[in-house]
Amino acid sequence: MSEDITALEQQSRTFARAMVIADAESYALVGAELVTIATYIKRVGEVFDPICSAAAKAHKVAVAQRDALLKPAMGAKRARGEQRAAWDQAQTRL
């Protein structure tokens, strides 16, 4: 997998050079370059889409686990705060 990424990184650098269409030959070269770029874009998706998908799934699981663990504590915090507020109000009335 890292070999694929390294190859993509190296290929991406080739797109930085400017191309000027000055004649029929350079027009054809730019057309060929467009095909190469389209193939590159497809390959980046093939390499990274599964990685991104797995990361998104892992994130979703982690958030669900975190929320499940926090839910009792947050409920207890809210209840304790309400208890203290009620006690404070009762002490004020006295």
C-alpha atoms as a PDB file:
ATOM      1  CA  MET A   1       0.000   0.000   0.000  1.00  0.00           C
ATOM      2  CA  SER A   2       2.754   2.461   0.888  1.00  0.00           C
ATOM      3  CA  GLU A   3       4.412   1.642  -2.442  1.00  0.00           C
ATOM      4  CA  ASP A   4       1.213   2.729  -4.197  1.00  0.00           C
ATOM      5  CA  ILE A   5       1.155   5.966  -2.231  1.00  0.00           C
ATOM      6  CA  THR A   6       4.826   6.639  -2.966  1.00  0.00           C
ATOM      7  CA  ALA A   7       4.231   6.062  -6.672  1.00  0.00           C
ATOM      8  CA  LEU A   8       1.223   8.404  -6.621  1.00  0.00           C
ATOM      9  CA  GLU A   9       3.233  11.071  -4.808  1.00  0.00           C
ATOM     10  CA  GLN A  10       5.971  10.840  -7.420  1.00  0.00           C
ATOM     11  CA  GLN A  11       3.477  10.959 -10.280  1.00  0.00           C
ATOM     12  CA  SER A  12       1.673  13.956  -8.771  1.00  0.00           C
ATOM     13  CA  ARG A  13       4.845  16.006  -9.079  1.00  0.00           C
ATOM     14  CA  THR A  14       4.783  15.570 -12.858  1.00  0.00           C
ATOM     15  CA  PHE A  15       1.531  17.516 -13.093  1.00  0.00           C
ATOM     16  CA  ALA A  16       3.128  20.682 -11.717  1.00  0.00           C
ATOM     17  CA  ARG A  17       4.798  21.603 -14.984  1.00  0.00           C
ATOM     18  CA  ALA A  18       2.895  23.964 -17.220  1.00  0.00           C
ATOM     19  CA  MET A  19       1.950  22.883 -20.704  1.00  0.00           C
ATOM     20  CA  VAL A  20       1.383  25.339 -23.512  1.00  0.00           C
ATOM     21  CA  ILE A  21      -0.512  24.497 -26.669  1.00  0.00           C
ATOM     22  CA  ALA A  22       1.376  26.066 -29.512  1.00  0.00           C
ATOM     23  CA  ASP A  23       0.794  23.618 -32.345  1.00  0.00           C
ATOM     24  CA  ALA A  24      -0.919  20.349 -33.271  1.00  0.00           C
ATOM     25  CA  GLU A  25       1.800  18.288 -31.607  1.00  0.00           C
ATOM     26  CA  SER A  26       1.541  20.086 -28.256  1.00  0.00           C
ATOM     27  CA  TYR A  27      -2.261  19.899 -28.547  1.00  0.00           C
ATOM     28  CA  ALA A  28      -1.967  16.110 -28.839  1.00  0.00           C
ATOM     29  CA  LEU A  29       0.476  16.009 -25.901  1.00  0.00           C
ATOM     30  CA  VAL A  30      -1.953  17.936 -23.712  1.00  0.00           C
ATOM     31  CA  GLY A  31      -4.714  15.531 -24.738  1.00  0.00           C
ATOM     32  CA  ALA A  32      -2.557  12.571 -23.741  1.00  0.00           C
ATOM     33  CA  GLU A  33      -1.738  14.316 -20.472  1.00  0.00           C
ATOM     34  CA  LEU A  34      -5.463  14.697 -19.765  1.00  0.00           C
ATOM     35  CA  VAL A  35      -5.893  10.934 -20.156  1.00  0.00           C
ATOM     36  CA  THR A  36      -2.964  10.362 -17.803  1.00  0.00           C
ATOM     37  CA  ILE A  37      -4.434  12.762 -15.260  1.00  0.00           C
ATOM     38  CA  ALA A  38      -7.842  11.060 -15.422  1.00  0.00           C
ATOM     39  CA  THR A  39      -6.183   7.674 -14.864  1.00  0.00           C
ATOM     40  CA  TYR A  40      -4.198   9.131 -11.951  1.00  0.00           C
ATOM     41  CA  ILE A  41      -7.345  10.563 -10.339  1.00  0.00           C
ATOM     42  CA  LYS A  42      -9.051   7.168 -10.632  1.00  0.00           C
ATOM     43  CA  ARG A  43      -6.034   5.433  -9.078  1.00  0.00           C
ATOM     44  CA  VAL A  44      -5.918   7.861  -6.151  1.00  0.00           C
ATOM     45  CA  GLY A  45      -9.550   6.972  -5.477  1.00  0.00           C
ATOM     46  CA  GLU A  46      -8.795   3.252  -5.683  1.00  0.00           C
ATOM     47  CA  VAL A  47      -5.982   3.602  -3.165  1.00  0.00           C
ATOM     48  CA  PHE A  48      -7.518   6.075  -0.728  1.00  0.00           C
ATOM     49  CA  ASP A  49     -11.279   5.396  -0.827  1.00  0.00           C
ATOM     50  CA  PRO A  50     -10.969   2.143   1.184  1.00  0.00           C
ATOM     51  CA  ILE A  51      -8.672   3.869   3.690  1.00  0.00           C
ATOM     52  CA  CYS A  52     -11.072   6.799   4.088  1.00  0.00           C
ATOM     53  CA  SER A  53     -14.047   4.458   4.367  1.00  0.00           C
ATOM     54  CA  ALA A  54     -12.375   2.389   7.085  1.00  0.00           C
ATOM     55  CA  ALA A  55     -11.383   5.542   8.966  1.00  0.00           C
ATOM     56  CA  ALA A  56     -14.945   6.878   8.767  1.00  0.00           C
ATOM     57  CA  LYS A  57     -16.329   3.595  10.099  1.00  0.00           C
ATOM     58  CA  ALA A  58     -13.763   3.532  12.906  1.00  0.00           C
ATOM     59  CA  HIS A  59     -14.616   7.130  13.793  1.00  0.00           C
ATOM     60  CA  LYS A  60     -18.316   6.303  13.913  1.00  0.00           C
ATOM     61  CA  VAL A  61     -17.677   3.339  16.237  1.00  0.00           C
ATOM     62  CA  ALA A  62     -15.369   5.390  18.468  1.00  0.00           C
ATOM     63  CA  VAL A  63     -17.898   8.230  18.755  1.00  0.00           C
ATOM     64  CA  ALA A  64     -20.673   5.771  19.613  1.00  0.00           C
ATOM     65  CA  GLN A  65     -18.533   4.110  22.284  1.00  0.00           C
ATOM     66  CA  ARG A  66     -17.499   7.466  23.724  1.00  0.00           C
ATOM     67  CA  ASP A  67     -21.086   8.698  23.815  1.00  0.00           C
ATOM     68  CA  ALA A  68     -22.267   5.463  25.457  1.00  0.00           C
ATOM     69  CA  LEU A  69     -19.638   5.855  28.171  1.00  0.00           C
ATOM     70  CA  LEU A  70     -20.374   9.545  28.710  1.00  0.00           C
ATOM     71  CA  LYS A  71     -24.175   9.206  28.835  1.00  0.00           C
ATOM     72  CA  PRO A  72     -24.408   7.897  32.447  1.00  0.00           C
ATOM     73  CA  ALA A  73     -21.856  10.439  33.690  1.00  0.00           C
ATOM     74  CA  MET A  74     -23.607  13.332  31.965  1.00  0.00           C
ATOM     75  CA  GLY A  75     -26.950  12.246  33.393  1.00  0.00           C
ATOM     76  CA  ALA A  76     -25.442  11.947  36.863  1.00  0.00           C
ATOM     77  CA  LYS A  77     -23.785  15.356  36.542  1.00  0.00           C
ATOM     78  CA  ARG A  78     -27.072  16.954  35.535  1.00  0.00           C
ATOM     79  CA  ALA A  79     -28.958  15.228  38.385  1.00  0.00           C
ATOM     80  CA  ARG A  80     -26.328  16.224  40.977  1.00  0.00           C
ATOM     81  CA  GLY A  81     -26.416  19.804  39.743  1.00  0.00           C
ATOM     82  CA  GLU A  82     -30.214  19.863  40.046  1.00  0.00           C
ATOM     83  CA  GLN A  83     -29.969  18.383  43.546  1.00  0.00           C
ATOM     84  CA  ARG A  84     -27.518  21.070  44.611  1.00  0.00           C
ATOM     85  CA  ALA A  85     -29.642  23.822  43.100  1.00  0.00           C
ATOM     86  CA  ALA A  86     -32.719  22.510  44.941  1.00  0.00           C
ATOM     87  CA  TRP A  87     -30.773  22.359  48.200  1.00  0.00           C
ATOM     88  CA  ASP A  88     -29.444  25.905  47.690  1.00  0.00           C
ATOM     89  CA  GLN A  89     -32.995  27.168  47.079  1.00  0.00           C
ATOM     90  CA  ALA A  90     -34.249  25.392  50.211  1.00  0.00           C
ATOM     91  CA  GLN A  91     -31.438  26.936  52.270  1.00  0.00           C
ATOM     92  CA  THR A  92     -32.251  30.366  50.879  1.00  0.00           C
ATOM     93  CA  ARG A  93     -35.908  30.012  51.892  1.00  0.00           C
ATOM     94  CA  LEU A  94     -34.886  29.086  55.432  1.00  0.00           C
END
